[in-house]
Amino acid sequence: MKYLVVGGAGYIGSHMVKHLVNDGHEVVVADIEAPAPDVEWVELDIADAGALDRLFADYHFNAVFHFASFIQVGESVSEPGKYYQNNVAATLTLVEAMVRADIKHLVFSSSAAVYGDPQYVPIDEQHPKTPINPYGRSKWMVEQILEDFDRAYGLKSVCLRYFNAAGADPDGLLGERHEPETHLIPLVLQAASGRREAITVFGHDYDTPDGSCIRDYVHVADLASAHALAVAYLLDGGASAAFNLGNGLGFSVQEVVDTARRVTGRPITVIEASRREGDPARLVADAERAKRVLGWQPRFATLEEIVGHAWRWECKFPWR
């Protein structure tokens, strides 16, 4: 197959590209940054309709994977226009170009942020969609746009709602490089490596076994495998659908810190702070639908594996 990976130079997108190439597919990356040097790359902003039309005229893609979005919740609150312009308007430009080019299959990188504050845990796909920030609303808007494009044009899509993407390539070739970094595991590992003086833990008085928040971490390589199964599902005639992706276990912030201390053998200084507004005690996925329909099964479900792979990547800093 020939696939377009939009945002294929980013954290999850780069792991997806590696997975597809290893499976023998032809891959073109559309991004404003260059991916790995051995991958075909088109420097492109998906907000540029003309550039998309030229790209789709030059290549015949069986499907598109869409990873290009802004992801910082706090920034989305202070700069909502940036998120609606990039995450929603640019995605609309992309799917309109797909319709013009008669490309019928899209796998979209969505988020558990579409659910908002949990009304029950674990969260399944039927949970009410009440996002509480512009980032989550932008993802939910796109999901609704895709439903409309299916009805109007027959554009089939799978929306994959990640919980907490984590870890790094098991071969040590890829990993997280966000700037600024906001994800817990790389922040903890930066404290272990000395790139950061300490890690701040927000709240130790939640109704959880150790008092810290519980989150569901899913390995980035397992996310890539889910996307591959999703596109195969679509190409086999599957209907448009949304699936949660998580390990269904949930680990507390304190468990992450303790595991990082064991894996790295390094001291990690923790600064205790008060709760942040809007942080629920537990966010855990019910991913049974993805397992049942797509045949997805996470390979790296333990916190030791997730942290261990991320630590190998952190030890490569500065990455070149």
C-alpha atoms as a PDB file:
ATOM      1  CA  MET A   1       0.000   0.000   0.000  1.00  0.00           C
ATOM      2  CA  LYS A   2       0.993   3.642  -0.389  1.00  0.00           C
ATOM      3  CA  TYR A   3       0.207   5.838   2.597  1.00  0.00           C
ATOM      4  CA  LEU A   4       0.451   9.525   3.402  1.00  0.00           C
ATOM      5  CA  VAL A   5       1.451  10.243   7.003  1.00  0.00           C
ATOM      6  CA  VAL A   6       0.610  13.827   7.917  1.00  0.00           C
ATOM      7  CA  GLY A   7       2.764  14.909  10.846  1.00  0.00           C
ATOM      8  CA  GLY A   8       5.079  11.951  10.309  1.00  0.00           C
ATOM      9  CA  ALA A   9       8.091  13.751  11.783  1.00  0.00           C
ATOM     10  CA  GLY A  10       6.469  14.056  15.207  1.00  0.00           C
ATOM     11  CA  TYR A  11       6.503  11.769  18.219  1.00  0.00           C
ATOM     12  CA  ILE A  12       3.709   9.337  17.349  1.00  0.00           C
ATOM     13  CA  GLY A  13       3.871   9.950  13.600  1.00  0.00           C
ATOM     14  CA  SER A  14       7.538   8.947  13.381  1.00  0.00           C
ATOM     15  CA  HIS A  15       6.817   5.654  15.157  1.00  0.00           C
ATOM     16  CA  MET A  16       3.951   5.092  12.716  1.00  0.00           C
ATOM     17  CA  VAL A  17       6.243   5.660   9.751  1.00  0.00           C
ATOM     18  CA  LYS A  18       8.768   3.158  11.102  1.00  0.00           C
ATOM     19  CA  HIS A  19       5.997   0.592  11.646  1.00  0.00           C
ATOM     20  CA  LEU A  20       4.615   1.003   8.123  1.00  0.00           C
ATOM     21  CA  VAL A  21       8.046   0.869   6.467  1.00  0.00           C
ATOM     22  CA  ASN A  22       8.930  -2.267   8.435  1.00  0.00           C
ATOM     23  CA  ASP A  23       5.691  -3.815   7.159  1.00  0.00           C
ATOM     24  CA  GLY A  24       6.773  -3.156   3.577  1.00  0.00           C
ATOM     25  CA  HIS A  25       4.466  -0.265   2.692  1.00  0.00           C
ATOM     26  CA  GLU A  26       5.378   2.841   0.694  1.00  0.00           C
ATOM     27  CA  VAL A  27       5.211   5.937   2.865  1.00  0.00           C
ATOM     28  CA  VAL A  28       5.280   9.640   2.129  1.00  0.00           C
ATOM     29  CA  VAL A  29       5.539  12.051   5.066  1.00  0.00           C
ATOM     30  CA  ALA A  30       3.878  15.462   4.840  1.00  0.00           C
ATOM     31  CA  ASP A  31       5.230  17.740   7.549  1.00  0.00           C
ATOM     32  CA  ILE A  32       6.894  21.092   8.053  1.00  0.00           C
ATOM     33  CA  GLU A  33       9.854  19.239   9.617  1.00  0.00           C
ATOM     34  CA  ALA A  34      12.000  16.553   8.023  1.00  0.00           C
ATOM     35  CA  PRO A  35      11.517  12.958   9.224  1.00  0.00           C
ATOM     36  CA  ALA A  36      14.192  10.231   9.229  1.00  0.00           C
ATOM     37  CA  PRO A  37      16.531  10.727   6.251  1.00  0.00           C
ATOM     38  CA  ASP A  38      15.539   7.476   4.518  1.00  0.00           C
ATOM     39  CA  VAL A  39      11.824   8.412   4.309  1.00  0.00           C
ATOM     40  CA  GLU A  40      10.252  10.304   1.399  1.00  0.00           C
ATOM     41  CA  TRP A  41       9.258  13.736   2.652  1.00  0.00           C
ATOM     42  CA  VAL A  42       7.113  16.547   1.291  1.00  0.00           C
ATOM     43  CA  GLU A  43       7.448  19.835   3.159  1.00  0.00           C
ATOM     44  CA  LEU A  44       3.817  20.839   3.453  1.00  0.00           C
ATOM     45  CA  ASP A  45       1.354  22.642   5.682  1.00  0.00           C
ATOM     46  CA  ILE A  46      -2.058  20.975   5.440  1.00  0.00           C
ATOM     47  CA  ALA A  47      -3.696  24.390   5.672  1.00  0.00           C
ATOM     48  CA  ASP A  48      -2.454  24.936   2.092  1.00  0.00           C
ATOM     49  CA  ALA A  49      -5.217  23.544  -0.139  1.00  0.00           C
ATOM     50  CA  GLY A  50      -3.242  24.088  -3.333  1.00  0.00           C
ATOM     51  CA  ALA A  51      -0.235  22.181  -2.006  1.00  0.00           C
ATOM     52  CA  LEU A  52      -2.498  19.297  -0.997  1.00  0.00           C
ATOM     53  CA  ASP A  53      -4.110  19.201  -4.444  1.00  0.00           C
ATOM     54  CA  ARG A  54      -0.677  19.061  -6.087  1.00  0.00           C
ATOM     55  CA  LEU A  55       0.445  16.316  -3.717  1.00  0.00           C
ATOM     56  CA  PHE A  56      -2.645  14.206  -4.368  1.00  0.00           C
ATOM     57  CA  ALA A  57      -2.225  14.729  -8.120  1.00  0.00           C
ATOM     58  CA  ASP A  58       1.348  13.405  -7.941  1.00  0.00           C
ATOM     59  CA  TYR A  59       0.646  10.355  -5.747  1.00  0.00           C
ATOM     60  CA  HIS A  60      -2.126   7.809  -5.439  1.00  0.00           C
ATOM     61  CA  PHE A  61      -2.569   7.105  -1.742  1.00  0.00           C
ATOM     62  CA  ASN A  62      -4.622   4.207  -0.430  1.00  0.00           C
ATOM     63  CA  ALA A  63      -5.159   6.039   2.872  1.00  0.00           C
ATOM     64  CA  VAL A  64      -4.043   8.977   4.986  1.00  0.00           C
ATOM     65  CA  PHE A  65      -2.853   8.986   8.600  1.00  0.00           C
ATOM     66  CA  HIS A  66      -3.323  12.350  10.329  1.00  0.00           C
ATOM     67  CA  PHE A  67      -1.109  13.182  13.333  1.00  0.00           C
ATOM     68  CA  ALA A  68      -0.539  16.911  12.766  1.00  0.00           C
ATOM     69  CA  SER A  69      -2.063  18.803  15.671  1.00  0.00           C
ATOM     70  CA  PHE A  70      -1.118  21.014  18.578  1.00  0.00           C
ATOM     71  CA  ILE A  71      -1.437  19.116  21.857  1.00  0.00           C
ATOM     72  CA  GLN A  72      -0.752  21.388  24.859  1.00  0.00           C
ATOM     73  CA  VAL A  73      -3.896  21.737  26.937  1.00  0.00           C
ATOM     74  CA  GLY A  74      -2.741  24.825  28.823  1.00  0.00           C
ATOM     75  CA  GLU A  75      -1.709  26.608  25.648  1.00  0.00           C
ATOM     76  CA  SER A  76      -5.073  25.791  24.087  1.00  0.00           C
ATOM     77  CA  VAL A  77      -6.762  27.671  26.924  1.00  0.00           C
ATOM     78  CA  SER A  78      -4.585  30.771  26.515  1.00  0.00           C
ATOM     79  CA  GLU A  79      -4.459  30.634  22.679  1.00  0.00           C
ATOM     80  CA  PRO A  80      -7.671  28.932  21.520  1.00  0.00           C
ATOM     81  CA  GLY A  81      -7.566  30.428  18.045  1.00  0.00           C
ATOM     82  CA  LYS A  82      -4.254  28.715  17.346  1.00  0.00           C
ATOM     83  CA  TYR A  83      -5.825  25.340  18.168  1.00  0.00           C
ATOM     84  CA  TYR A  84      -9.034  25.833  16.221  1.00  0.00           C
ATOM     85  CA  GLN A  85      -7.096  27.110  13.207  1.00  0.00           C
ATOM     86  CA  ASN A  86      -4.582  24.246  13.141  1.00  0.00           C
ATOM     87  CA  ASN A  87      -6.467  21.315  14.619  1.00  0.00           C
ATOM     88  CA  VAL A  88      -9.887  22.025  13.081  1.00  0.00           C
ATOM     89  CA  ALA A  89      -9.640  24.376  10.092  1.00  0.00           C
ATOM     90  CA  ALA A  90      -6.478  22.800   8.659  1.00  0.00           C
ATOM     91  CA  THR A  91      -7.968  19.318   9.090  1.00  0.00           C
ATOM     92  CA  LEU A  92     -11.069  20.477   7.213  1.00  0.00           C
ATOM     93  CA  THR A  93      -8.775  21.627   4.389  1.00  0.00           C
ATOM     94  CA  LEU A  94      -7.129  18.202   4.380  1.00  0.00           C
ATOM     95  CA  VAL A  95     -10.348  16.182   4.196  1.00  0.00           C
ATOM     96  CA  GLU A  96     -11.779  18.468   1.509  1.00  0.00           C
ATOM     97  CA  ALA A  97      -8.659  17.817  -0.567  1.00  0.00           C
ATOM     98  CA  MET A  98      -9.056  14.084   0.053  1.00  0.00           C
ATOM     99  CA  VAL A  99     -12.607  14.260  -1.277  1.00  0.00           C
ATOM    100  CA  ARG A 100     -11.445  16.097  -4.400  1.00  0.00           C
ATOM    101  CA  ALA A 101      -8.785  13.425  -4.927  1.00  0.00           C
ATOM    102  CA  ASP A 102     -11.223  10.561  -4.229  1.00  0.00           C
ATOM    103  CA  ILE A 103      -9.186   9.246  -1.295  1.00  0.00           C
ATOM    104  CA  LYS A 104     -11.667   7.375   0.881  1.00  0.00           C
ATOM    105  CA  HIS A 105      -9.804   6.292   4.026  1.00  0.00           C
ATOM    106  CA  LEU A 106      -8.439   8.318   6.953  1.00  0.00           C
ATOM    107  CA  VAL A 107      -7.033   7.304  10.339  1.00  0.00           C
ATOM    108  CA  PHE A 108      -7.250  10.264  12.702  1.00  0.00           C
ATOM    109  CA  SER A 109      -5.232  10.877  15.853  1.00  0.00           C
ATOM    110  CA  SER A 110      -7.883  11.871  18.386  1.00  0.00           C
ATOM    111  CA  SER A 111      -7.700  12.027  22.179  1.00  0.00           C
ATOM    112  CA  ALA A 112      -9.371  10.982  25.397  1.00  0.00           C
ATOM    113  CA  ALA A 113      -9.704  14.736  25.973  1.00  0.00           C
ATOM    114  CA  VAL A 114     -12.972  14.510  23.985  1.00  0.00           C
ATOM    115  CA  TYR A 115     -14.595  12.989  27.100  1.00  0.00           C
ATOM    116  CA  GLY A 116     -13.834  15.784  29.571  1.00  0.00           C
ATOM    117  CA  ASP A 117     -14.221  15.055  33.272  1.00  0.00           C
ATOM    118  CA  PRO A 118     -14.950  11.347  33.723  1.00  0.00           C
ATOM    119  CA  GLN A 119     -18.468  10.450  34.800  1.00  0.00           C
ATOM    120  CA  TYR A 120     -17.329   6.845  35.326  1.00  0.00           C
ATOM    121  CA  VAL A 121     -14.110   4.840  35.085  1.00  0.00           C
ATOM    122  CA  PRO A 122     -12.950   3.017  33.056  1.00  0.00           C
ATOM    123  CA  ILE A 123     -14.106   5.230  30.189  1.00  0.00           C
ATOM    124  CA  ASP A 124     -15.629   3.514  27.162  1.00  0.00           C
ATOM    125  CA  GLU A 125     -16.511   4.998  23.778  1.00  0.00           C
ATOM    126  CA  GLN A 126     -20.119   5.652  24.819  1.00  0.00           C
ATOM    127  CA  HIS A 127     -19.054   8.026  27.603  1.00  0.00           C
ATOM    128  CA  PRO A 128     -20.545  11.529  27.096  1.00  0.00           C
ATOM    129  CA  LYS A 129     -18.356  13.882  25.048  1.00  0.00           C
ATOM    130  CA  THR A 130     -18.008  17.052  27.148  1.00  0.00           C
ATOM    131  CA  PRO A 131     -14.444  18.336  26.563  1.00  0.00           C
ATOM    132  CA  ILE A 132     -13.351  20.989  29.051  1.00  0.00           C
ATOM    133  CA  ASN A 133     -10.652  22.804  27.055  1.00  0.00           C
ATOM    134  CA  PRO A 134     -10.115  24.008  23.467  1.00  0.00           C
ATOM    135  CA  TYR A 135      -7.700  21.135  22.738  1.00  0.00           C
ATOM    136  CA  GLY A 136     -10.326  18.523  23.586  1.00  0.00           C
ATOM    137  CA  ARG A 137     -13.029  20.488  21.792  1.00  0.00           C
ATOM    138  CA  SER A 138     -10.866  20.706  18.668  1.00  0.00           C
ATOM    139  CA  LYS A 139     -10.531  16.922  18.567  1.00  0.00           C
ATOM    140  CA  TRP A 140     -14.254  16.399  19.122  1.00  0.00           C
ATOM    141  CA  MET A 141     -15.081  18.920  16.383  1.00  0.00           C
ATOM    142  CA  VAL A 142     -12.934  17.004  13.926  1.00  0.00           C
ATOM    143  CA  GLU A 143     -14.607  13.724  14.866  1.00  0.00           C
ATOM    144  CA  GLN A 144     -17.991  15.302  14.105  1.00  0.00           C
ATOM    145  CA  ILE A 145     -16.704  16.732  10.816  1.00  0.00           C
ATOM    146  CA  LEU A 146     -15.570  13.242   9.823  1.00  0.00           C
ATOM    147  CA  GLU A 147     -19.019  11.824  10.597  1.00  0.00           C
ATOM    148  CA  ASP A 148     -20.528  14.432   8.277  1.00  0.00           C
ATOM    149  CA  PHE A 149     -17.981  13.717   5.527  1.00  0.00           C
ATOM    150  CA  ASP A 150     -18.797  10.029   5.727  1.00  0.00           C
ATOM    151  CA  ARG A 151     -22.497  10.733   5.238  1.00  0.00           C
ATOM    152  CA  ALA A 152     -21.931  13.253   2.451  1.00  0.00           C
ATOM    153  CA  TYR A 153     -18.972  11.780   0.547  1.00  0.00           C
ATOM    154  CA  GLY A 154     -18.356   8.252   1.791  1.00  0.00           C
ATOM    155  CA  LEU A 155     -15.048   9.225   3.421  1.00  0.00           C
ATOM    156  CA  LYS A 156     -14.444   6.406   5.910  1.00  0.00           C
ATOM    157  CA  SER A 157     -12.442   7.158   9.029  1.00  0.00           C
ATOM    158  CA  VAL A 158     -11.232   5.654  12.254  1.00  0.00           C
ATOM    159  CA  CYS A 159     -10.718   8.047  15.164  1.00  0.00           C
ATOM    160  CA  LEU A 160      -8.296   6.688  17.742  1.00  0.00           C
ATOM    161  CA  ARG A 161      -8.732   8.249  21.161  1.00  0.00           C
ATOM    162  CA  TYR A 162      -5.388   7.985  22.947  1.00  0.00           C
ATOM    163  CA  PHE A 163      -5.158   8.228  26.666  1.00  0.00           C
ATOM    164  CA  ASN A 164      -1.509   8.948  27.640  1.00  0.00           C
ATOM    165  CA  ALA A 165       0.960   8.158  24.868  1.00  0.00           C
ATOM    166  CA  ALA A 166       4.261   7.192  26.459  1.00  0.00           C
ATOM    167  CA  GLY A 167       7.517   5.314  25.980  1.00  0.00           C
ATOM    168  CA  ALA A 168       9.850   5.198  23.006  1.00  0.00           C
ATOM    169  CA  ASP A 169      10.850   2.960  20.149  1.00  0.00           C
ATOM    170  CA  PRO A 170      11.961  -0.397  21.618  1.00  0.00           C
ATOM    171  CA  ASP A 171      14.974  -0.316  19.256  1.00  0.00           C
ATOM    172  CA  GLY A 172      16.054   3.008  20.735  1.00  0.00           C
ATOM    173  CA  LEU A 173      15.813   4.913  17.445  1.00  0.00           C
ATOM    174  CA  LEU A 174      12.902   7.243  18.221  1.00  0.00           C
ATOM    175  CA  GLY A 175      11.288   8.958  21.182  1.00  0.00           C
ATOM    176  CA  GLU A 176       9.689  12.109  22.579  1.00  0.00           C
ATOM    177  CA  ARG A 177      11.172  15.500  21.700  1.00  0.00           C
ATOM    178  CA  HIS A 178       8.503  18.006  22.664  1.00  0.00           C
ATOM    179  CA  GLU A 179       9.492  21.590  23.358  1.00  0.00           C
ATOM    180  CA  PRO A 180       8.352  22.477  25.897  1.00  0.00           C
ATOM    181  CA  GLU A 181       7.863  19.011  27.378  1.00  0.00           C
ATOM    182  CA  THR A 182       4.629  18.575  29.317  1.00  0.00           C
ATOM    183  CA  HIS A 183       4.285  14.786  29.632  1.00  0.00           C
ATOM    184  CA  LEU A 184       4.979  13.190  33.005  1.00  0.00           C
ATOM    185  CA  ILE A 185       7.281  10.299  32.088  1.00  0.00           C
ATOM    186  CA  PRO A 186       9.841  12.310  30.072  1.00  0.00           C
ATOM    187  CA  LEU A 187       9.777  15.029  32.729  1.00  0.00           C
ATOM    188  CA  VAL A 188      10.525  12.477  35.459  1.00  0.00           C
ATOM    189  CA  LEU A 189      13.334  10.994  33.369  1.00  0.00           C
ATOM    190  CA  GLN A 190      14.802  14.429  32.734  1.00  0.00           C
ATOM    191  CA  ALA A 191      15.007  14.797  36.514  1.00  0.00           C
ATOM    192  CA  ALA A 192      16.786  11.441  36.664  1.00  0.00           C
ATOM    193  CA  SER A 193      19.275  12.373  33.930  1.00  0.00           C
ATOM    194  CA  GLY A 194      20.066  15.769  35.412  1.00  0.00           C
ATOM    195  CA  ARG A 195      18.470  17.855  32.668  1.00  0.00           C
ATOM    196  CA  ARG A 196      15.878  18.984  35.201  1.00  0.00           C
ATOM    197  CA  GLU A 197      16.448  19.679  38.904  1.00  0.00           C
ATOM    198  CA  ALA A 198      13.212  18.150  40.153  1.00  0.00           C
ATOM    199  CA  ILE A 199       9.746  16.949  39.195  1.00  0.00           C
ATOM    200  CA  THR A 200       6.659  18.642  40.598  1.00  0.00           C
ATOM    201  CA  VAL A 201       3.784  16.400  41.705  1.00  0.00           C
ATOM    202  CA  PHE A 202       0.468  18.226  41.832  1.00  0.00           C
ATOM    203  CA  GLY A 203      -1.633  16.824  44.649  1.00  0.00           C
ATOM    204  CA  HIS A 204      -1.121  13.974  47.101  1.00  0.00           C
ATOM    205  CA  ASP A 205      -4.621  14.061  48.568  1.00  0.00           C
ATOM    206  CA  TYR A 206      -6.690  12.370  45.862  1.00  0.00           C
ATOM    207  CA  ASP A 207      -8.960   9.424  46.578  1.00  0.00           C
ATOM    208  CA  THR A 208      -6.422   6.916  45.256  1.00  0.00           C
ATOM    209  CA  PRO A 209      -4.258   4.324  47.043  1.00  0.00           C
ATOM    210  CA  ASP A 210      -1.237   6.638  47.331  1.00  0.00           C
ATOM    211  CA  GLY A 211      -3.038   9.978  47.022  1.00  0.00           C
ATOM    212  CA  SER A 212      -1.666  10.915  43.579  1.00  0.00           C
ATOM    213  CA  CYS A 213      -3.544  10.988  40.271  1.00  0.00           C
ATOM    214  CA  ILE A 214      -3.941   7.786  38.264  1.00  0.00           C
ATOM    215  CA  ARG A 215      -3.499   7.862  34.489  1.00  0.00           C
ATOM    216  CA  ASP A 216      -3.555   5.262  31.709  1.00  0.00           C
ATOM    217  CA  TYR A 217      -0.247   5.078  29.817  1.00  0.00           C
ATOM    218  CA  VAL A 218      -0.148   3.369  26.412  1.00  0.00           C
ATOM    219  CA  HIS A 219       3.165   2.603  24.689  1.00  0.00           C
ATOM    220  CA  VAL A 220       3.793   4.564  21.503  1.00  0.00           C
ATOM    221  CA  ALA A 221       4.725   1.377  19.621  1.00  0.00           C
ATOM    222  CA  ASP A 222       1.358  -0.094  20.601  1.00  0.00           C
ATOM    223  CA  LEU A 223      -0.326   3.053  19.293  1.00  0.00           C
ATOM    224  CA  ALA A 224       1.429   2.516  15.961  1.00  0.00           C
ATOM    225  CA  SER A 225       0.227  -1.084  15.761  1.00  0.00           C
ATOM    226  CA  ALA A 226      -3.340   0.075  16.480  1.00  0.00           C
ATOM    227  CA  HIS A 227      -3.160   2.530  13.579  1.00  0.00           C
ATOM    228  CA  ALA A 228      -1.947  -0.211  11.258  1.00  0.00           C
ATOM    229  CA  LEU A 229      -4.849  -2.419  12.307  1.00  0.00           C
ATOM    230  CA  ALA A 230      -7.242   0.512  11.879  1.00  0.00           C
ATOM    231  CA  VAL A 231      -6.227   1.188   8.277  1.00  0.00           C
ATOM    232  CA  ALA A 232      -6.449  -2.519   7.466  1.00  0.00           C
ATOM    233  CA  TYR A 233      -9.952  -2.509   8.968  1.00  0.00           C
ATOM    234  CA  LEU A 234     -10.976   0.416   6.744  1.00  0.00           C
ATOM    235  CA  LEU A 235      -9.446  -1.019   3.572  1.00  0.00           C
ATOM    236  CA  ASP A 236     -11.297  -4.263   4.272  1.00  0.00           C
ATOM    237  CA  GLY A 237     -14.590  -2.371   4.141  1.00  0.00           C
ATOM    238  CA  GLY A 238     -14.989  -1.435   7.803  1.00  0.00           C
ATOM    239  CA  ALA A 239     -17.428   1.308   8.770  1.00  0.00           C
ATOM    240  CA  SER A 240     -16.286   4.592  10.282  1.00  0.00           C
ATOM    241  CA  ALA A 241     -15.687   4.166  14.000  1.00  0.00           C
ATOM    242  CA  ALA A 242     -13.929   5.503  17.083  1.00  0.00           C
ATOM    243  CA  PHE A 243     -11.795   3.436  19.452  1.00  0.00           C
ATOM    244  CA  ASN A 244     -10.124   4.090  22.791  1.00  0.00           C
ATOM    245  CA  LEU A 245      -6.452   3.205  23.082  1.00  0.00           C
ATOM    246  CA  GLY A 246      -5.082   2.558  26.566  1.00  0.00           C
ATOM    247  CA  ASN A 247      -3.798  -0.345  28.610  1.00  0.00           C
ATOM    248  CA  GLY A 248      -6.818  -0.299  30.915  1.00  0.00           C
ATOM    249  CA  LEU A 249      -4.655  -0.495  34.045  1.00  0.00           C
ATOM    250  CA  GLY A 250      -3.772   2.976  35.192  1.00  0.00           C
ATOM    251  CA  PHE A 251      -0.687   3.989  37.168  1.00  0.00           C
ATOM    252  CA  SER A 252      -0.393   6.746  39.733  1.00  0.00           C
ATOM    253  CA  VAL A 253       2.032   9.639  39.489  1.00  0.00           C
ATOM    254  CA  GLN A 254       3.862   8.232  42.512  1.00  0.00           C
ATOM    255  CA  GLU A 255       4.119   4.817  40.833  1.00  0.00           C
ATOM    256  CA  VAL A 256       5.699   6.479  37.789  1.00  0.00           C
ATOM    257  CA  VAL A 257       8.274   8.229  39.979  1.00  0.00           C
ATOM    258  CA  ASP A 258       9.057   5.049  41.941  1.00  0.00           C
ATOM    259  CA  THR A 259       9.364   2.994  38.766  1.00  0.00           C
ATOM    260  CA  ALA A 260      11.670   5.580  37.214  1.00  0.00           C
ATOM    261  CA  ARG A 261      13.908   5.442  40.293  1.00  0.00           C
ATOM    262  CA  ARG A 262      14.148   1.639  39.972  1.00  0.00           C
ATOM    263  CA  VAL A 263      14.696   1.622  36.200  1.00  0.00           C
ATOM    264  CA  THR A 264      17.294   4.392  36.158  1.00  0.00           C
ATOM    265  CA  GLY A 265      18.997   3.732  39.470  1.00  0.00           C
ATOM    266  CA  ARG A 266      19.092   7.503  39.909  1.00  0.00           C
ATOM    267  CA  PRO A 267      17.690   9.781  42.609  1.00  0.00           C
ATOM    268  CA  ILE A 268      14.699  11.876  41.534  1.00  0.00           C
ATOM    269  CA  THR A 269      13.811  14.944  43.560  1.00  0.00           C
ATOM    270  CA  VAL A 270      10.076  15.504  43.958  1.00  0.00           C
ATOM    271  CA  ILE A 271       8.469  18.847  44.797  1.00  0.00           C
ATOM    272  CA  GLU A 272       4.982  18.500  46.225  1.00  0.00           C
ATOM    273  CA  ALA A 273       2.455  21.095  45.079  1.00  0.00           C
ATOM    274  CA  SER A 274      -1.281  21.575  45.451  1.00  0.00           C
ATOM    275  CA  ARG A 275      -3.758  20.114  43.022  1.00  0.00           C
ATOM    276  CA  ARG A 276      -4.187  21.687  39.603  1.00  0.00           C
ATOM    277  CA  GLU A 277      -7.692  22.774  38.684  1.00  0.00           C
ATOM    278  CA  GLY A 278      -9.408  20.270  36.424  1.00  0.00           C
ATOM    279  CA  ASP A 279      -7.227  17.245  37.242  1.00  0.00           C
ATOM    280  CA  PRO A 280      -9.522  14.258  37.928  1.00  0.00           C
ATOM    281  CA  ALA A 281      -8.344  11.568  40.311  1.00  0.00           C
ATOM    282  CA  ARG A 282      -8.548   8.752  37.735  1.00  0.00           C
ATOM    283  CA  LEU A 283      -8.465   8.583  33.933  1.00  0.00           C
ATOM    284  CA  VAL A 284      -8.413   4.993  32.723  1.00  0.00           C
ATOM    285  CA  ALA A 285      -9.479   3.595  29.357  1.00  0.00           C
ATOM    286  CA  ASP A 286     -11.810   0.795  28.487  1.00  0.00           C
ATOM    287  CA  ALA A 287     -10.124  -0.339  25.249  1.00  0.00           C
ATOM    288  CA  GLU A 288     -12.031  -3.594  24.811  1.00  0.00           C
ATOM    289  CA  ARG A 289     -13.685  -2.403  21.610  1.00  0.00           C
ATOM    290  CA  ALA A 290     -10.319  -1.921  19.873  1.00  0.00           C
ATOM    291  CA  LYS A 291      -9.259  -5.369  21.014  1.00  0.00           C
ATOM    292  CA  ARG A 292     -12.489  -6.982  19.859  1.00  0.00           C
ATOM    293  CA  VAL A 293     -13.001  -5.197  16.523  1.00  0.00           C
ATOM    294  CA  LEU A 294      -9.446  -4.442  15.422  1.00  0.00           C
ATOM    295  CA  GLY A 295      -7.716  -7.364  17.111  1.00  0.00           C
ATOM    296  CA  TRP A 296      -5.411  -4.947  18.920  1.00  0.00           C
ATOM    297  CA  GLN A 297      -3.371  -6.183  21.850  1.00  0.00           C
ATOM    298  CA  PRO A 298      -0.763  -3.991  23.600  1.00  0.00           C
ATOM    299  CA  ARG A 299       2.667  -5.655  23.732  1.00  0.00           C
ATOM    300  CA  PHE A 300       4.290  -3.266  26.209  1.00  0.00           C
ATOM    301  CA  ALA A 301       1.744  -2.927  28.995  1.00  0.00           C
ATOM    302  CA  THR A 302       3.976  -2.763  32.066  1.00  0.00           C
ATOM    303  CA  LEU A 303       5.196   0.517  33.468  1.00  0.00           C
ATOM    304  CA  GLU A 304       8.743  -0.900  33.632  1.00  0.00           C
ATOM    305  CA  GLU A 305       8.771  -1.473  29.862  1.00  0.00           C
ATOM    306  CA  ILE A 306       7.314   1.933  29.062  1.00  0.00           C
ATOM    307  CA  VAL A 307       9.715   3.785  31.371  1.00  0.00           C
ATOM    308  CA  GLY A 308      12.662   1.596  30.356  1.00  0.00           C
ATOM    309  CA  HIS A 309      12.279   2.376  26.651  1.00  0.00           C
ATOM    310  CA  ALA A 310      11.825   6.080  27.393  1.00  0.00           C
ATOM    311  CA  TRP A 311      14.945   6.049  29.588  1.00  0.00           C
ATOM    312  CA  ARG A 312      17.041   4.546  26.803  1.00  0.00           C
ATOM    313  CA  TRP A 313      15.928   7.433  24.612  1.00  0.00           C
ATOM    314  CA  GLU A 314      16.577  10.041  27.322  1.00  0.00           C
ATOM    315  CA  CYS A 315      20.116   8.711  27.693  1.00  0.00           C
ATOM    316  CA  LYS A 316      20.751   9.649  24.036  1.00  0.00           C
ATOM    317  CA  PHE A 317      20.229  13.365  24.712  1.00  0.00           C
ATOM    318  CA  PRO A 318      21.101  15.541  22.850  1.00  0.00           C
ATOM    319  CA  TRP A 319      19.554  13.540  20.008  1.00  0.00           C
ATOM    320  CA  ARG A 320      21.298  13.823  16.673  1.00  0.00           C
END
